[in-house]
Amino acid sequence: MIKIKNLQKNYKDFQLNVSLEVPAGTVTADTTTEDLDEWDSLAQVMIIGELEGRLGISIPLEEAVEVKGVADLLRLCGAEN
């Protein structure tokens, strides 16, 4: 399980590249949903579900639908700057 305090530095461990089926290194802390065609609504649901399961958290639907990129995911997990 990824610890929240380590998520920001190690978000790649969460394997967003794998979840989005893009080459390693494609997803960075600045990546947004608009940057990748692969980051569609289904991918969004899968990413949120994986975050919740691996971190033992619950992300409210109202907040999950507002995610526009990696920075938002980090914020929702309590790992913002």
N, C-alpha and C. Protein backbone atom coordinates (compact mmCIF):
# COMPACT_ATOMS: atom_id res chain seq x y z
N MET A 1 0.84 -1.19 0.00
CA MET A 1 0.00 0.00 0.00
C MET A 1 0.88 1.24 0.00
N ILE A 2 0.53 2.21 -0.81
CA ILE A 2 1.27 3.47 -0.87
C ILE A 2 0.81 4.36 0.27
N LYS A 3 1.76 4.88 1.02
CA LYS A 3 1.41 5.81 2.08
C LYS A 3 1.16 7.18 1.47
N ILE A 4 0.14 7.88 1.97
CA ILE A 4 -0.22 9.17 1.40
C ILE A 4 0.96 10.13 1.38
N LYS A 5 1.77 10.15 2.42
CA LYS A 5 2.89 11.09 2.45
C LYS A 5 3.90 10.80 1.35
N ASN A 6 3.92 9.58 0.85
CA ASN A 6 4.85 9.22 -0.22
C ASN A 6 4.23 9.31 -1.60
N LEU A 7 2.92 9.51 -1.66
CA LEU A 7 2.24 9.47 -2.95
C LEU A 7 2.72 10.58 -3.87
N GLN A 8 2.92 11.77 -3.35
CA GLN A 8 3.32 12.88 -4.20
C GLN A 8 4.67 12.61 -4.85
N LYS A 9 5.62 12.12 -4.08
CA LYS A 9 6.95 11.85 -4.63
C LYS A 9 6.95 10.59 -5.49
N ASN A 10 6.06 9.67 -5.18
CA ASN A 10 6.09 8.37 -5.85
C ASN A 10 4.80 8.05 -6.58
N TYR A 11 4.14 9.09 -7.14
CA TYR A 11 2.87 8.83 -7.81
C TYR A 11 3.06 7.85 -8.96
N LYS A 12 4.28 7.76 -9.49
CA LYS A 12 4.52 6.80 -10.57
C LYS A 12 4.35 5.38 -10.06
N ASP A 13 4.60 5.16 -8.76
CA ASP A 13 4.39 3.84 -8.19
C ASP A 13 2.93 3.42 -8.30
N PHE A 14 2.08 4.41 -8.39
CA PHE A 14 0.65 4.11 -8.51
C PHE A 14 0.33 3.59 -9.91
N GLN A 15 1.28 3.73 -10.80
CA GLN A 15 1.22 3.19 -12.16
C GLN A 15 0.11 3.79 -13.00
N LEU A 16 0.00 5.11 -12.98
CA LEU A 16 -0.96 5.76 -13.87
C LEU A 16 -0.65 5.46 -15.32
N ASN A 17 0.65 5.29 -15.65
CA ASN A 17 1.01 4.93 -17.02
C ASN A 17 0.35 3.62 -17.42
N VAL A 18 0.34 2.66 -16.49
CA VAL A 18 -0.26 1.36 -16.78
C VAL A 18 -1.78 1.49 -16.83
N SER A 19 -2.35 2.19 -15.87
CA SER A 19 -3.81 2.36 -15.85
C SER A 19 -4.32 3.02 -17.12
N LEU A 20 -3.55 3.96 -17.64
CA LEU A 20 -3.95 4.69 -18.84
C LEU A 20 -3.43 4.07 -20.12
N GLU A 21 -2.65 2.99 -19.99
CA GLU A 21 -2.08 2.28 -21.14
C GLU A 21 -1.28 3.22 -22.04
N VAL A 22 -0.39 3.98 -21.43
CA VAL A 22 0.52 4.86 -22.16
C VAL A 22 1.95 4.50 -21.78
N PRO A 23 2.91 4.88 -22.60
CA PRO A 23 4.31 4.54 -22.30
C PRO A 23 4.79 5.13 -20.97
N ALA A 24 5.69 4.43 -20.33
CA ALA A 24 6.28 4.91 -19.08
C ALA A 24 6.86 6.30 -19.31
N GLY A 25 6.67 7.16 -18.33
CA GLY A 25 7.18 8.52 -18.42
C GLY A 25 6.21 9.50 -19.05
N THR A 26 5.11 9.01 -19.60
CA THR A 26 4.12 9.89 -20.23
C THR A 26 3.39 10.72 -19.19
N VAL A 27 3.04 10.10 -18.07
CA VAL A 27 2.29 10.79 -17.03
C VAL A 27 3.26 11.44 -16.05
N THR A 28 3.08 12.75 -15.85
CA THR A 28 3.89 13.50 -14.90
C THR A 28 2.96 14.18 -13.91
N ALA A 29 3.53 14.87 -12.95
CA ALA A 29 2.73 15.59 -11.97
C ALA A 29 1.88 16.68 -12.61
N ASP A 30 2.25 17.11 -13.81
CA ASP A 30 1.53 18.17 -14.51
C ASP A 30 0.53 17.66 -15.54
N THR A 31 0.43 16.35 -15.71
CA THR A 31 -0.46 15.79 -16.72
C THR A 31 -1.91 16.06 -16.36
N THR A 32 -2.68 16.46 -17.38
CA THR A 32 -4.12 16.69 -17.19
C THR A 32 -4.89 15.71 -18.06
N THR A 33 -6.18 15.64 -17.80
CA THR A 33 -7.04 14.76 -18.59
C THR A 33 -7.08 15.19 -20.05
N GLU A 34 -6.86 16.46 -20.31
CA GLU A 34 -6.87 16.96 -21.68
C GLU A 34 -5.61 16.58 -22.44
N ASP A 35 -4.55 16.26 -21.72
CA ASP A 35 -3.28 15.90 -22.36
C ASP A 35 -3.30 14.52 -23.00
N LEU A 36 -4.16 13.63 -22.50
CA LEU A 36 -4.15 12.24 -22.94
C LEU A 36 -5.54 11.78 -23.37
N ASP A 37 -5.66 11.34 -24.61
CA ASP A 37 -6.93 10.79 -25.08
C ASP A 37 -7.32 9.56 -24.28
N GLU A 38 -6.30 8.85 -23.77
CA GLU A 38 -6.56 7.61 -23.01
C GLU A 38 -7.23 7.89 -21.66
N TRP A 39 -7.12 9.11 -21.15
CA TRP A 39 -7.69 9.45 -19.85
C TRP A 39 -9.13 9.88 -20.06
N ASP A 40 -9.98 8.90 -20.32
CA ASP A 40 -11.40 9.17 -20.53
C ASP A 40 -12.18 8.86 -19.25
N SER A 41 -13.50 8.89 -19.34
CA SER A 41 -14.32 8.71 -18.13
C SER A 41 -14.15 7.32 -17.53
N LEU A 42 -13.98 6.30 -18.36
CA LEU A 42 -13.77 4.95 -17.83
C LEU A 42 -12.43 4.86 -17.10
N ALA A 43 -11.39 5.43 -17.70
CA ALA A 43 -10.09 5.44 -17.04
C ALA A 43 -10.17 6.20 -15.72
N GLN A 44 -10.93 7.29 -15.72
CA GLN A 44 -11.08 8.10 -14.51
C GLN A 44 -11.68 7.25 -13.37
N VAL A 45 -12.71 6.49 -13.68
CA VAL A 45 -13.36 5.63 -12.69
C VAL A 45 -12.38 4.57 -12.18
N MET A 46 -11.61 4.00 -13.09
CA MET A 46 -10.66 2.97 -12.70
C MET A 46 -9.55 3.54 -11.81
N ILE A 47 -9.06 4.72 -12.15
CA ILE A 47 -8.00 5.36 -11.36
C ILE A 47 -8.50 5.70 -9.97
N ILE A 48 -9.69 6.30 -9.89
CA ILE A 48 -10.26 6.67 -8.59
C ILE A 48 -10.47 5.41 -7.75
N GLY A 49 -11.00 4.36 -8.36
CA GLY A 49 -11.23 3.11 -7.63
C GLY A 49 -9.94 2.50 -7.11
N GLU A 50 -8.90 2.56 -7.94
CA GLU A 50 -7.61 2.01 -7.51
C GLU A 50 -7.02 2.84 -6.36
N LEU A 51 -7.13 4.15 -6.47
CA LEU A 51 -6.66 5.01 -5.38
C LEU A 51 -7.38 4.69 -4.08
N GLU A 52 -8.69 4.60 -4.15
CA GLU A 52 -9.48 4.31 -2.94
C GLU A 52 -9.08 2.98 -2.33
N GLY A 53 -8.93 1.97 -3.18
CA GLY A 53 -8.58 0.65 -2.68
C GLY A 53 -7.18 0.56 -2.09
N ARG A 54 -6.22 1.14 -2.79
CA ARG A 54 -4.83 1.04 -2.35
C ARG A 54 -4.52 1.93 -1.16
N LEU A 55 -5.23 3.07 -1.06
CA LEU A 55 -4.94 3.99 0.04
C LEU A 55 -5.94 3.87 1.19
N GLY A 56 -6.98 3.07 1.00
CA GLY A 56 -7.99 2.91 2.05
C GLY A 56 -8.75 4.20 2.32
N ILE A 57 -9.02 4.95 1.25
CA ILE A 57 -9.75 6.21 1.39
C ILE A 57 -11.04 6.15 0.60
N SER A 58 -11.89 7.12 0.80
CA SER A 58 -13.12 7.25 0.02
C SER A 58 -13.14 8.64 -0.59
N ILE A 59 -13.26 8.70 -1.89
CA ILE A 59 -13.30 9.97 -2.60
C ILE A 59 -14.75 10.21 -3.01
N PRO A 60 -15.36 11.27 -2.50
CA PRO A 60 -16.76 11.56 -2.84
C PRO A 60 -16.94 11.74 -4.35
N LEU A 61 -18.04 11.25 -4.87
CA LEU A 61 -18.34 11.34 -6.29
C LEU A 61 -18.27 12.78 -6.78
N GLU A 62 -18.78 13.70 -5.98
CA GLU A 62 -18.79 15.11 -6.37
C GLU A 62 -17.37 15.63 -6.63
N GLU A 63 -16.41 15.12 -5.88
CA GLU A 63 -15.02 15.53 -6.06
C GLU A 63 -14.35 14.73 -7.18
N ALA A 64 -14.69 13.47 -7.28
CA ALA A 64 -14.08 12.60 -8.29
C ALA A 64 -14.38 13.09 -9.70
N VAL A 65 -15.58 13.59 -9.94
CA VAL A 65 -15.94 14.03 -11.29
C VAL A 65 -15.26 15.35 -11.66
N GLU A 66 -14.70 16.03 -10.67
CA GLU A 66 -14.01 17.30 -10.92
C GLU A 66 -12.52 17.12 -11.19
N VAL A 67 -12.01 15.90 -11.11
CA VAL A 67 -10.58 15.65 -11.34
C VAL A 67 -10.23 16.00 -12.78
N LYS A 68 -9.21 16.83 -12.92
CA LYS A 68 -8.75 17.26 -14.24
C LYS A 68 -7.30 16.87 -14.50
N GLY A 69 -6.68 16.17 -13.54
CA GLY A 69 -5.30 15.75 -13.75
C GLY A 69 -4.66 15.16 -12.51
N VAL A 70 -3.38 14.88 -12.64
CA VAL A 70 -2.62 14.27 -11.55
C VAL A 70 -2.63 15.16 -10.31
N ALA A 71 -2.49 16.46 -10.48
CA ALA A 71 -2.48 17.37 -9.33
C ALA A 71 -3.77 17.26 -8.52
N ASP A 72 -4.90 17.10 -9.19
CA ASP A 72 -6.18 16.93 -8.49
C ASP A 72 -6.21 15.60 -7.73
N LEU A 73 -5.66 14.56 -8.36
CA LEU A 73 -5.61 13.26 -7.65
C LEU A 73 -4.78 13.36 -6.40
N LEU A 74 -3.66 14.03 -6.47
CA LEU A 74 -2.80 14.20 -5.31
C LEU A 74 -3.54 14.97 -4.22
N ARG A 75 -4.24 16.02 -4.61
CA ARG A 75 -4.99 16.83 -3.63
C ARG A 75 -6.06 15.98 -2.95
N LEU A 76 -6.79 15.19 -3.71
CA LEU A 76 -7.85 14.36 -3.14
C LEU A 76 -7.30 13.32 -2.17
N CYS A 77 -6.05 12.93 -2.37
CA CYS A 77 -5.44 11.94 -1.50
C CYS A 77 -4.67 12.58 -0.34
N GLY A 78 -4.76 13.90 -0.24
CA GLY A 78 -4.09 14.58 0.86
C GLY A 78 -2.61 14.74 0.65
N ALA A 79 -2.15 14.70 -0.59
CA ALA A 79 -0.72 14.78 -0.87
C ALA A 79 -0.36 16.03 -1.65
N GLU A 80 -1.13 17.08 -1.46
CA GLU A 80 -0.83 18.30 -2.21
C GLU A 80 0.38 18.99 -1.65
N ASN A 81 0.93 19.91 -2.43
CA ASN A 81 2.15 20.61 -2.04
C ASN A 81 2.01 21.31 -0.73
